[in-house]
């Protein structure tokens, strides 16, 4: 069994060594185009979501949805 100190030391060593030994990836064949960027009005590959648990517990779900829509989130995680 590995103790916490050994785990942290090993993890830190791996996080430094792996990027140094990794092969460089080839650039994307297709540059991002508005057709690829479906979210955030053509600025992102991924939707931006709001985790409703981060809001005040006293706010109802309807109010959380309204706030998320006004703030420009694409979806919510209830």
PDB file of N, CA and C in Angstrom:
ATOM      1  N   UNK A   1       0.843  -1.176   0.000  1.00  0.00           N
ATOM      2  CA  UNK A   1       0.000   0.000   0.000  1.00  0.00           C
ATOM      3  C   UNK A   1       0.893   1.246   0.000  1.00  0.00           C
ATOM      4  N   UNK A   2       0.492   2.231  -0.756  1.00  0.00           N
ATOM      5  CA  UNK A   2       1.270   3.458  -0.890  1.00  0.00           C
ATOM      6  C   UNK A   2       0.745   4.498   0.105  1.00  0.00           C
ATOM      7  N   UNK A   3       1.658   5.158   0.804  1.00  0.00           N
ATOM      8  CA  UNK A   3       1.213   6.197   1.719  1.00  0.00           C
ATOM      9  C   UNK A   3       1.062   7.525   0.973  1.00  0.00           C
ATOM     10  N   UNK A   4       0.490   8.503   1.612  1.00  0.00           N
ATOM     11  CA  UNK A   4       0.187   9.787   0.975  1.00  0.00           C
ATOM     12  C   UNK A   4       1.453  10.486   0.494  1.00  0.00           C
ATOM     13  N   UNK A   5       2.505  10.477   1.280  1.00  0.00           N
ATOM     14  CA  UNK A   5       3.747  11.154   0.918  1.00  0.00           C
ATOM     15  C   UNK A   5       4.356  10.554  -0.353  1.00  0.00           C
ATOM     16  N   UNK A   6       4.376   9.219  -0.428  1.00  0.00           N
ATOM     17  CA  UNK A   6       4.918   8.549  -1.608  1.00  0.00           C
ATOM     18  C   UNK A   6       4.061   8.852  -2.830  1.00  0.00           C
ATOM     19  N   UNK A   7       2.753   8.840  -2.663  1.00  0.00           N
ATOM     20  CA  UNK A   7       1.839   9.134  -3.766  1.00  0.00           C
ATOM     21  C   UNK A   7       2.071  10.543  -4.316  1.00  0.00           C
ATOM     22  N   UNK A   8       2.175  11.525  -3.431  1.00  0.00           N
ATOM     23  CA  UNK A   8       2.371  12.917  -3.857  1.00  0.00           C
ATOM     24  C   UNK A   8       3.715  13.070  -4.561  1.00  0.00           C
ATOM     25  N   UNK A   9       4.757  12.490  -4.002  1.00  0.00           N
ATOM     26  CA  UNK A   9       6.086  12.584  -4.611  1.00  0.00           C
ATOM     27  C   UNK A   9       6.095  11.937  -5.991  1.00  0.00           C
ATOM     28  N   UNK A  10       5.507  10.766  -6.112  1.00  0.00           N
ATOM     29  CA  UNK A  10       5.445  10.071  -7.398  1.00  0.00           C
ATOM     30  C   UNK A  10       4.623  10.852  -8.403  1.00  0.00           C
ATOM     31  N   UNK A  11       3.506  11.385  -7.978  1.00  0.00           N
ATOM     32  CA  UNK A  11       2.638  12.155  -8.869  1.00  0.00           C
ATOM     33  C   UNK A  11       3.334  13.409  -9.369  1.00  0.00           C
ATOM     34  N   UNK A  12       4.045  14.082  -8.481  1.00  0.00           N
ATOM     35  CA  UNK A  12       4.753  15.298  -8.882  1.00  0.00           C
ATOM     36  C   UNK A  12       5.846  14.968  -9.893  1.00  0.00           C
ATOM     37  N   UNK A  13       6.548  13.887  -9.654  1.00  0.00           N
ATOM     38  CA  UNK A  13       7.602  13.484 -10.594  1.00  0.00           C
ATOM     39  C   UNK A  13       7.030  13.146 -11.962  1.00  0.00           C
ATOM     40  N   UNK A  14       5.910  12.442 -11.980  1.00  0.00           N
ATOM     41  CA  UNK A  14       5.274  12.074 -13.243  1.00  0.00           C
ATOM     42  C   UNK A  14       4.743  13.303 -13.970  1.00  0.00           C
ATOM     43  N   UNK A  15       4.209  14.257 -13.226  1.00  0.00           N
ATOM     44  CA  UNK A  15       3.653  15.453 -13.876  1.00  0.00           C
ATOM     45  C   UNK A  15       4.740  16.305 -14.511  1.00  0.00           C
ATOM     46  N   UNK A  16       5.966  16.190 -14.035  1.00  0.00           N
ATOM     47  CA  UNK A  16       7.081  16.918 -14.639  1.00  0.00           C
ATOM     48  C   UNK A  16       7.677  16.105 -15.789  1.00  0.00           C
ATOM     49  N   UNK A  17       7.819  14.802 -15.613  1.00  0.00           N
ATOM     50  CA  UNK A  17       8.491  13.973 -16.605  1.00  0.00           C
ATOM     51  C   UNK A  17       7.646  13.718 -17.848  1.00  0.00           C
ATOM     52  N   UNK A  18       6.366  13.505 -17.721  1.00  0.00           N
ATOM     53  CA  UNK A  18       5.542  13.162 -18.874  1.00  0.00           C
ATOM     54  C   UNK A  18       5.528  14.239 -19.952  1.00  0.00           C
ATOM     55  N   UNK A  19       5.335  15.505 -19.635  1.00  0.00           N
ATOM     56  CA  UNK A  19       5.365  16.499 -20.713  1.00  0.00           C
ATOM     57  C   UNK A  19       6.721  16.586 -21.414  1.00  0.00           C
ATOM     58  N   UNK A  20       7.787  16.281 -20.702  1.00  0.00           N
ATOM     59  CA  UNK A  20       9.114  16.357 -21.297  1.00  0.00           C
ATOM     60  C   UNK A  20       9.364  15.220 -22.277  1.00  0.00           C
ATOM     61  N   UNK A  21       8.709  14.079 -22.066  1.00  0.00           N
ATOM     62  CA  UNK A  21       8.940  12.915 -22.911  1.00  0.00           C
ATOM     63  C   UNK A  21       7.852  12.729 -23.964  1.00  0.00           C
ATOM     64  N   UNK A  22       6.770  13.479 -23.878  1.00  0.00           N
ATOM     65  CA  UNK A  22       5.655  13.305 -24.814  1.00  0.00           C
ATOM     66  C   UNK A  22       6.039  13.810 -26.199  1.00  0.00           C
ATOM     67  N   UNK A  23       5.524  13.115 -27.206  1.00  0.00           N
ATOM     68  CA  UNK A  23       5.739  13.556 -28.577  1.00  0.00           C
ATOM     69  C   UNK A  23       4.860  14.758 -28.851  1.00  0.00           C
ATOM     70  N   UNK A  24       5.368  15.639 -29.669  1.00  0.00           N
ATOM     71  CA  UNK A  24       4.562  16.806 -30.031  1.00  0.00           C
ATOM     72  C   UNK A  24       3.451  16.350 -30.961  1.00  0.00           C
ATOM     73  N   UNK A  25       2.253  16.845 -30.694  1.00  0.00           N
ATOM     74  CA  UNK A  25       1.123  16.475 -31.533  1.00  0.00           C
ATOM     75  C   UNK A  25       1.123  17.314 -32.799  1.00  0.00           C
ATOM     76  N   UNK A  26       0.556  16.744 -33.837  1.00  0.00           N
ATOM     77  CA  UNK A  26       0.440  17.463 -35.091  1.00  0.00           C
ATOM     78  C   UNK A  26      -0.640  18.519 -34.953  1.00  0.00           C
ATOM     79  N   UNK A  27      -0.491  19.621 -35.649  1.00  0.00           N
ATOM     80  CA  UNK A  27      -1.547  20.628 -35.595  1.00  0.00           C
ATOM     81  C   UNK A  27      -2.829  20.096 -36.217  1.00  0.00           C
ATOM     82  N   UNK A  28      -3.938  20.665 -35.826  1.00  0.00           N
ATOM     83  CA  UNK A  28      -5.219  20.260 -36.387  1.00  0.00           C
ATOM     84  C   UNK A  28      -5.225  20.480 -37.887  1.00  0.00           C
ATOM     85  N   UNK A  29      -5.793  19.529 -38.602  1.00  0.00           N
ATOM     86  CA  UNK A  29      -5.869  19.671 -40.044  1.00  0.00           C
ATOM     87  C   UNK A  29      -6.821  20.803 -40.427  1.00  0.00           C
ATOM     88  N   UNK A  30      -7.908  20.875 -39.705  1.00  0.00           N
ATOM     89  CA  UNK A  30      -8.897  21.910 -39.990  1.00  0.00           C
ATOM     90  C   UNK A  30      -8.848  22.966 -38.907  1.00  0.00           C
ATOM     91  N   UNK A  31      -8.672  24.180 -39.290  1.00  0.00           N
ATOM     92  CA  UNK A  31      -8.716  25.267 -38.319  1.00  0.00           C
ATOM     93  C   UNK A  31     -10.140  25.431 -37.825  1.00  0.00           C
ATOM     94  N   UNK A  32     -10.302  25.905 -36.602  1.00  0.00           N
ATOM     95  CA  UNK A  32     -11.652  26.116 -36.103  1.00  0.00           C
ATOM     96  C   UNK A  32     -12.412  27.082 -37.013  1.00  0.00           C
ATOM     97  N   UNK A  33     -13.588  26.677 -37.379  1.00  0.00           N
ATOM     98  CA  UNK A  33     -14.452  27.512 -38.203  1.00  0.00           C
ATOM     99  C   UNK A  33     -15.769  27.696 -37.476  1.00  0.00           C
ATOM    100  N   UNK A  34     -16.538  28.684 -37.853  1.00  0.00           N
ATOM    101  CA  UNK A  34     -17.842  28.859 -37.206  1.00  0.00           C
ATOM    102  C   UNK A  34     -18.706  27.601 -37.261  1.00  0.00           C
ATOM    103  N   UNK A  35     -18.528  26.764 -38.294  1.00  0.00           N
ATOM    104  CA  UNK A  35     -19.305  25.528 -38.369  1.00  0.00           C
ATOM    105  C   UNK A  35     -18.909  24.555 -37.253  1.00  0.00           C
ATOM    106  N   UNK A  36     -17.631  24.558 -36.858  1.00  0.00           N
ATOM    107  CA  UNK A  36     -17.152  23.679 -35.780  1.00  0.00           C
ATOM    108  C   UNK A  36     -17.509  24.244 -34.410  1.00  0.00           C
ATOM    109  N   UNK A  37     -17.614  25.540 -34.325  1.00  0.00           N
ATOM    110  CA  UNK A  37     -17.825  26.208 -33.047  1.00  0.00           C
ATOM    111  C   UNK A  37     -19.312  26.468 -32.842  1.00  0.00           C
ATOM    112  N   UNK A  38     -19.987  25.479 -32.301  1.00  0.00           N
ATOM    113  CA  UNK A  38     -21.440  25.553 -32.205  1.00  0.00           C
ATOM    114  C   UNK A  38     -21.944  26.327 -30.991  1.00  0.00           C
ATOM    115  N   UNK A  39     -21.089  26.608 -30.024  1.00  0.00           N
ATOM    116  CA  UNK A  39     -21.538  27.227 -28.773  1.00  0.00           C
ATOM    117  C   UNK A  39     -20.962  28.614 -28.599  1.00  0.00           C
ATOM    118  N   UNK A  40     -21.557  29.364 -27.717  1.00  0.00           N
ATOM    119  CA  UNK A  40     -21.112  30.720 -27.381  1.00  0.00           C
ATOM    120  C   UNK A  40     -21.021  31.607 -28.623  1.00  0.00           C
ATOM    121  N   UNK A  41     -22.067  31.528 -29.435  1.00  0.00           N
ATOM    122  CA  UNK A  41     -22.167  32.360 -30.650  1.00  0.00           C
ATOM    123  C   UNK A  41     -20.945  32.192 -31.548  1.00  0.00           C
ATOM    124  N   UNK A  42     -20.529  30.924 -31.728  1.00  0.00           N
ATOM    125  CA  UNK A  42     -19.416  30.641 -32.625  1.00  0.00           C
ATOM    126  C   UNK A  42     -18.045  30.826 -32.035  1.00  0.00           C
ATOM    127  N   UNK A  43     -17.919  30.880 -30.719  1.00  0.00           N
ATOM    128  CA  UNK A  43     -16.614  31.081 -30.096  1.00  0.00           C
ATOM    129  C   UNK A  43     -16.081  29.848 -29.386  1.00  0.00           C
ATOM    130  N   UNK A  44     -16.874  28.765 -29.281  1.00  0.00           N
ATOM    131  CA  UNK A  44     -16.430  27.629 -28.470  1.00  0.00           C
ATOM    132  C   UNK A  44     -16.891  26.300 -29.059  1.00  0.00           C
ATOM    133  N   UNK A  45     -16.070  25.271 -28.842  1.00  0.00           N
ATOM    134  CA  UNK A  45     -16.439  23.906 -29.209  1.00  0.00           C
ATOM    135  C   UNK A  45     -17.408  23.299 -28.204  1.00  0.00           C
ATOM    136  N   UNK A  46     -17.414  23.799 -26.978  1.00  0.00           N
ATOM    137  CA  UNK A  46     -18.169  23.204 -25.892  1.00  0.00           C
ATOM    138  C   UNK A  46     -19.189  24.170 -25.308  1.00  0.00           C
ATOM    139  N   UNK A  47     -20.307  23.627 -24.802  1.00  0.00           N
ATOM    140  CA  UNK A  47     -21.279  24.497 -24.131  1.00  0.00           C
ATOM    141  C   UNK A  47     -20.753  24.930 -22.767  1.00  0.00           C
ATOM    142  N   UNK A  48     -21.180  26.060 -22.315  1.00  0.00           N
ATOM    143  CA  UNK A  48     -20.821  26.549 -20.989  1.00  0.00           C
ATOM    144  C   UNK A  48     -22.037  26.308 -20.104  1.00  0.00           C
ATOM    145  N   UNK A  49     -21.847  25.566 -19.007  1.00  0.00           N
ATOM    146  CA  UNK A  49     -22.983  25.245 -18.158  1.00  0.00           C
ATOM    147  C   UNK A  49     -22.787  25.801 -16.757  1.00  0.00           C
ATOM    148  N   UNK A  50     -23.901  25.966 -16.076  1.00  0.00           N
ATOM    149  CA  UNK A  50     -23.900  26.439 -14.699  1.00  0.00           C
ATOM    150  C   UNK A  50     -24.286  25.286 -13.787  1.00  0.00           C
ATOM    151  N   UNK A  51     -23.480  25.016 -12.791  1.00  0.00           N
ATOM    152  CA  UNK A  51     -23.815  24.038 -11.764  1.00  0.00           C
ATOM    153  C   UNK A  51     -24.691  24.776 -10.749  1.00  0.00           C
ATOM    154  N   UNK A  52     -25.976  24.471 -10.734  1.00  0.00           N
ATOM    155  CA  UNK A  52     -26.912  25.221  -9.894  1.00  0.00           C
ATOM    156  C   UNK A  52     -26.632  25.062  -8.405  1.00  0.00           C
ATOM    157  N   UNK A  53     -25.858  24.054  -8.026  1.00  0.00           N
ATOM    158  CA  UNK A  53     -25.516  23.880  -6.612  1.00  0.00           C
ATOM    159  C   UNK A  53     -24.611  24.999  -6.124  1.00  0.00           C
ATOM    160  N   UNK A  54     -23.987  25.732  -7.051  1.00  0.00           N
ATOM    161  CA  UNK A  54     -23.116  26.829  -6.638  1.00  0.00           C
ATOM    162  C   UNK A  54     -23.905  28.073  -6.253  1.00  0.00           C
ATOM    163  N   UNK A  55     -25.187  28.089  -6.558  1.00  0.00           N
ATOM    164  CA  UNK A  55     -26.030  29.227  -6.192  1.00  0.00           C
ATOM    165  C   UNK A  55     -26.647  29.007  -4.818  1.00  0.00           C
ATOM    166  N   UNK A  56     -27.178  30.051  -4.253  1.00  0.00           N
ATOM    167  CA  UNK A  56     -27.810  30.003  -2.936  1.00  0.00           C
ATOM    168  C   UNK A  56     -28.883  28.918  -2.887  1.00  0.00           C
ATOM    169  N   UNK A  57     -28.879  28.122  -1.828  1.00  0.00           N
ATOM    170  CA  UNK A  57     -29.852  27.039  -1.679  1.00  0.00           C
ATOM    171  C   UNK A  57     -31.280  27.544  -1.520  1.00  0.00           C
ATOM    172  N   UNK A  58     -31.440  28.803  -1.114  1.00  0.00           N
ATOM    173  CA  UNK A  58     -32.771  29.357  -0.912  1.00  0.00           C
ATOM    174  C   UNK A  58     -33.447  29.801  -2.200  1.00  0.00           C
ATOM    175  N   UNK A  59     -32.706  29.789  -3.313  1.00  0.00           N
ATOM    176  CA  UNK A  59     -33.273  30.186  -4.600  1.00  0.00           C
ATOM    177  C   UNK A  59     -33.914  28.965  -5.249  1.00  0.00           C
ATOM    178  N   UNK A  60     -35.120  29.121  -5.748  1.00  0.00           N
ATOM    179  CA  UNK A  60     -35.798  28.024  -6.435  1.00  0.00           C
ATOM    180  C   UNK A  60     -35.186  27.747  -7.800  1.00  0.00           C
ATOM    181  N   UNK A  61     -35.509  26.580  -8.364  1.00  0.00           N
ATOM    182  CA  UNK A  61     -34.931  26.176  -9.642  1.00  0.00           C
ATOM    183  C   UNK A  61     -35.351  27.120 -10.768  1.00  0.00           C
ATOM    184  N   UNK A  62     -36.579  27.645 -10.705  1.00  0.00           N
ATOM    185  CA  UNK A  62     -37.033  28.569 -11.748  1.00  0.00           C
ATOM    186  C   UNK A  62     -36.151  29.820 -11.772  1.00  0.00           C
ATOM    187  N   UNK A  63     -35.831  30.346 -10.603  1.00  0.00           N
ATOM    188  CA  UNK A  63     -34.986  31.536 -10.511  1.00  0.00           C
ATOM    189  C   UNK A  63     -33.562  31.216 -10.970  1.00  0.00           C
ATOM    190  N   UNK A  64     -33.066  30.036 -10.627  1.00  0.00           N
ATOM    191  CA  UNK A  64     -31.731  29.637 -11.065  1.00  0.00           C
ATOM    192  C   UNK A  64     -31.673  29.535 -12.586  1.00  0.00           C
ATOM    193  N   UNK A  65     -32.727  28.995 -13.204  1.00  0.00           N
ATOM    194  CA  UNK A  65     -32.768  28.887 -14.656  1.00  0.00           C
ATOM    195  C   UNK A  65     -32.824  30.272 -15.304  1.00  0.00           C
ATOM    196  N   UNK A  66     -33.594  31.173 -14.716  1.00  0.00           N
ATOM    197  CA  UNK A  66     -33.691  32.526 -15.244  1.00  0.00           C
ATOM    198  C   UNK A  66     -32.328  33.219 -15.178  1.00  0.00           C
ATOM    199  N   UNK A  67     -31.651  33.084 -14.041  1.00  0.00           N
ATOM    200  CA  UNK A  67     -30.328  33.689 -13.872  1.00  0.00           C
ATOM    201  C   UNK A  67     -29.315  33.112 -14.872  1.00  0.00           C
ATOM    202  N   UNK A  68     -29.361  31.799 -15.059  1.00  0.00           N
ATOM    203  CA  UNK A  68     -28.442  31.155 -16.000  1.00  0.00           C
ATOM    204  C   UNK A  68     -28.680  31.656 -17.417  1.00  0.00           C
ATOM    205  N   UNK A  69     -29.938  31.789 -17.811  1.00  0.00           N
ATOM    206  CA  UNK A  69     -30.263  32.271 -19.155  1.00  0.00           C
ATOM    207  C   UNK A  69     -29.814  33.719 -19.335  1.00  0.00           C
ATOM    208  N   UNK A  70     -30.056  34.551 -18.355  1.00  0.00           N
ATOM    209  CA  UNK A  70     -29.657  35.954 -18.441  1.00  0.00           C
ATOM    210  C   UNK A  70     -28.133  36.111 -18.504  1.00  0.00           C
ATOM    211  N   UNK A  71     -27.421  35.225 -17.825  1.00  0.00           N
ATOM    212  CA  UNK A  71     -25.958  35.306 -17.790  1.00  0.00           C
ATOM    213  C   UNK A  71     -25.313  34.720 -19.048  1.00  0.00           C
ATOM    214  N   UNK A  72     -26.098  34.047 -19.891  1.00  0.00           N
ATOM    215  CA  UNK A  72     -25.565  33.519 -21.150  1.00  0.00           C
ATOM    216  C   UNK A  72     -25.082  32.084 -21.111  1.00  0.00           C
ATOM    217  N   UNK A  73     -25.439  31.327 -20.067  1.00  0.00           N
ATOM    218  CA  UNK A  73     -25.062  29.922 -20.012  1.00  0.00           C
ATOM    219  C   UNK A  73     -25.871  29.144 -21.052  1.00  0.00           C
ATOM    220  N   UNK A  74     -25.266  28.086 -21.622  1.00  0.00           N
ATOM    221  CA  UNK A  74     -25.953  27.267 -22.607  1.00  0.00           C
ATOM    222  C   UNK A  74     -26.838  26.210 -21.970  1.00  0.00           C
ATOM    223  N   UNK A  75     -26.480  25.761 -20.795  1.00  0.00           N
ATOM    224  CA  UNK A  75     -27.238  24.722 -20.103  1.00  0.00           C
ATOM    225  C   UNK A  75     -26.936  24.774 -18.613  1.00  0.00           C
ATOM    226  N   UNK A  76     -27.679  23.976 -17.852  1.00  0.00           N
ATOM    227  CA  UNK A  76     -27.468  23.931 -16.404  1.00  0.00           C
ATOM    228  C   UNK A  76     -27.348  22.486 -15.956  1.00  0.00           C
ATOM    229  N   UNK A  77     -26.708  22.308 -14.824  1.00  0.00           N
ATOM    230  CA  UNK A  77     -26.657  21.007 -14.158  1.00  0.00           C
ATOM    231  C   UNK A  77     -27.421  21.171 -12.864  1.00  0.00           C
ATOM    232  N   UNK A  78     -28.619  20.583 -12.805  1.00  0.00           N
ATOM    233  CA  UNK A  78     -29.437  20.779 -11.601  1.00  0.00           C
ATOM    234  C   UNK A  78     -28.854  20.089 -10.400  1.00  0.00           C
TER     235      UNK A  78
END
